[in-house]
């Protein structure tokens, strides 16, 4: 049997980092993934998928990703069930990421003088 998924999309919000009681890092974000077709009005639609990342990769995502960033995620689909505070049974479907690849450059942030902060992100190698 096979449970594998590969997605390319943009984060709809900044990632949320938290830690389990035993100290393991877990990062969550929602990914907007365009559908490969248009609806009857000629508009593109998207699916919004919750992604969960564990361990060291979770910390990397939390530190370097933000709303709007383009990423490729590969992993597996997982379902969770639990009982909420009112006793209702709840279910969630999420992507557990095994790999997250950053596909764009971080947006530049302006410093106090109004200039872009950060270094040169060019891909030219000086040798």
Protein backbone atom coordinates (compact mmCIF):
# COMPACT_ATOMS: atom_id res chain seq x y z
CA UNK A 1 0.00 0.00 0.00
CA UNK A 2 1.10 3.55 -0.62
CA UNK A 3 0.34 6.81 1.18
CA UNK A 4 2.31 9.57 -0.51
CA UNK A 5 1.51 13.16 -1.41
CA UNK A 6 3.44 15.95 -3.13
CA UNK A 7 2.06 19.50 -3.04
CA UNK A 8 3.20 22.90 -4.26
CA UNK A 9 1.46 25.93 -2.83
CA UNK A 10 1.63 29.08 -0.74
CA UNK A 11 1.30 29.45 3.01
CA UNK A 12 -1.97 31.13 3.98
CA UNK A 13 -0.61 32.22 7.38
CA UNK A 14 2.64 32.31 9.32
CA UNK A 15 3.67 28.90 10.68
CA UNK A 16 2.82 28.08 14.30
CA UNK A 17 5.56 26.39 16.32
CA UNK A 18 4.84 24.48 19.51
CA UNK A 19 6.42 21.71 21.55
CA UNK A 20 5.08 18.44 22.90
CA UNK A 21 5.38 17.78 26.67
CA UNK A 22 8.56 15.77 25.98
CA UNK A 23 10.10 18.70 24.07
CA UNK A 24 9.67 17.56 20.47
CA UNK A 25 9.03 20.45 18.07
CA UNK A 26 5.98 20.52 15.83
CA UNK A 27 5.16 23.22 13.31
CA UNK A 28 1.83 23.70 11.56
CA UNK A 29 0.70 25.79 8.63
CA UNK A 30 -1.99 25.83 5.96
CA UNK A 31 -1.05 25.50 2.30
CA UNK A 32 -3.19 26.88 -0.56
CA UNK A 33 -2.81 24.62 -3.59
CA UNK A 34 -4.32 25.68 -6.91
CA UNK A 35 -6.52 23.14 -8.68
CA UNK A 36 -5.38 22.32 -12.25
CA UNK A 37 -8.65 23.52 -13.78
CA UNK A 38 -11.07 26.45 -13.67
CA UNK A 39 -14.67 26.49 -12.47
CA UNK A 40 -17.70 27.35 -14.66
CA UNK A 41 -16.99 31.07 -14.20
CA UNK A 42 -13.45 30.58 -15.53
CA UNK A 43 -11.86 31.16 -12.11
CA UNK A 44 -9.17 29.05 -10.53
CA UNK A 45 -10.04 27.40 -7.25
CA UNK A 46 -7.70 26.18 -4.52
CA UNK A 47 -7.63 23.55 -1.82
CA UNK A 48 -6.49 24.57 1.66
CA UNK A 49 -4.54 21.80 3.35
CA UNK A 50 -3.19 21.65 6.89
CA UNK A 51 0.48 20.61 7.06
CA UNK A 52 2.30 19.32 10.13
CA UNK A 53 6.11 19.19 10.34
CA UNK A 54 8.07 17.51 13.17
CA UNK A 55 11.54 17.80 14.72
CA UNK A 56 14.42 19.82 13.31
CA UNK A 57 12.56 20.46 10.05
CA UNK A 58 9.73 22.01 12.09
CA UNK A 59 12.12 24.54 13.60
CA UNK A 60 13.58 25.35 10.18
CA UNK A 61 10.10 25.97 8.78
CA UNK A 62 9.07 28.11 11.75
CA UNK A 63 12.23 30.23 11.45
CA UNK A 64 12.25 30.72 7.67
CA UNK A 65 8.68 30.52 6.36
CA UNK A 66 5.95 33.14 6.47
CA UNK A 67 2.57 33.84 4.93
CA UNK A 68 2.73 33.87 1.13
CA UNK A 69 5.91 31.79 0.75
CA UNK A 70 5.91 29.20 -2.04
CA UNK A 71 6.90 25.68 -0.91
CA UNK A 72 6.90 22.09 -2.12
CA UNK A 73 5.82 19.59 0.52
CA UNK A 74 6.14 15.84 0.27
CA UNK A 75 4.84 13.47 2.88
CA UNK A 76 1.78 11.42 3.78
CA UNK A 77 -1.88 11.95 4.60
CA UNK A 78 -2.86 11.34 8.21
CA UNK A 79 -6.24 11.38 9.95
CA UNK A 80 -6.74 12.19 13.62
CA UNK A 81 -9.81 11.75 15.77
CA UNK A 82 -10.47 13.21 19.20
CA UNK A 83 -13.26 14.27 21.49
CA UNK A 84 -13.79 18.01 21.98
CA UNK A 85 -14.69 19.73 25.27
CA UNK A 86 -18.40 19.23 24.60
CA UNK A 87 -17.94 15.50 24.05
CA UNK A 88 -18.35 15.64 20.27
CA UNK A 89 -16.19 13.36 18.18
CA UNK A 90 -13.96 15.39 15.82
CA UNK A 91 -11.81 14.35 12.86
CA UNK A 92 -8.98 16.09 11.00
CA UNK A 93 -7.13 15.21 7.82
CA UNK A 94 -3.63 16.65 7.53
CA UNK A 95 -0.41 16.25 5.59
CA UNK A 96 2.55 15.08 7.66
CA UNK A 97 5.55 16.55 5.85
CA UNK A 98 8.71 14.54 5.45
CA UNK A 99 10.29 17.16 3.18
CA UNK A 100 9.67 20.88 2.72
CA UNK A 101 11.48 22.70 -0.07
CA UNK A 102 11.47 26.50 -0.19
CA UNK A 103 10.75 27.54 -3.79
CA UNK A 104 11.04 31.31 -3.55
CA UNK A 105 13.17 33.89 -1.84
CA UNK A 106 12.04 35.49 1.41
CA UNK A 107 10.36 38.84 0.99
CA UNK A 108 12.66 41.74 1.81
CA UNK A 109 11.88 43.65 4.99
CA UNK A 110 12.52 47.36 5.09
CA UNK A 111 14.75 48.64 7.88
CA UNK A 112 14.30 51.93 9.75
CA UNK A 113 15.81 53.98 6.91
CA UNK A 114 13.33 52.58 4.38
CA UNK A 115 15.95 50.45 2.63
CA UNK A 116 15.59 46.75 2.11
CA UNK A 117 17.22 44.75 4.88
CA UNK A 118 19.15 41.55 4.31
CA UNK A 119 21.80 40.43 1.94
CA UNK A 120 22.03 39.83 -1.75
CA UNK A 121 20.15 36.63 -2.58
CA UNK A 122 21.52 36.27 -6.08
CA UNK A 123 22.35 32.80 -7.28
CA UNK A 124 25.59 33.85 -8.99
CA UNK A 125 28.58 32.00 -7.62
CA UNK A 126 31.77 34.13 -7.56
CA UNK A 127 34.07 31.33 -8.80
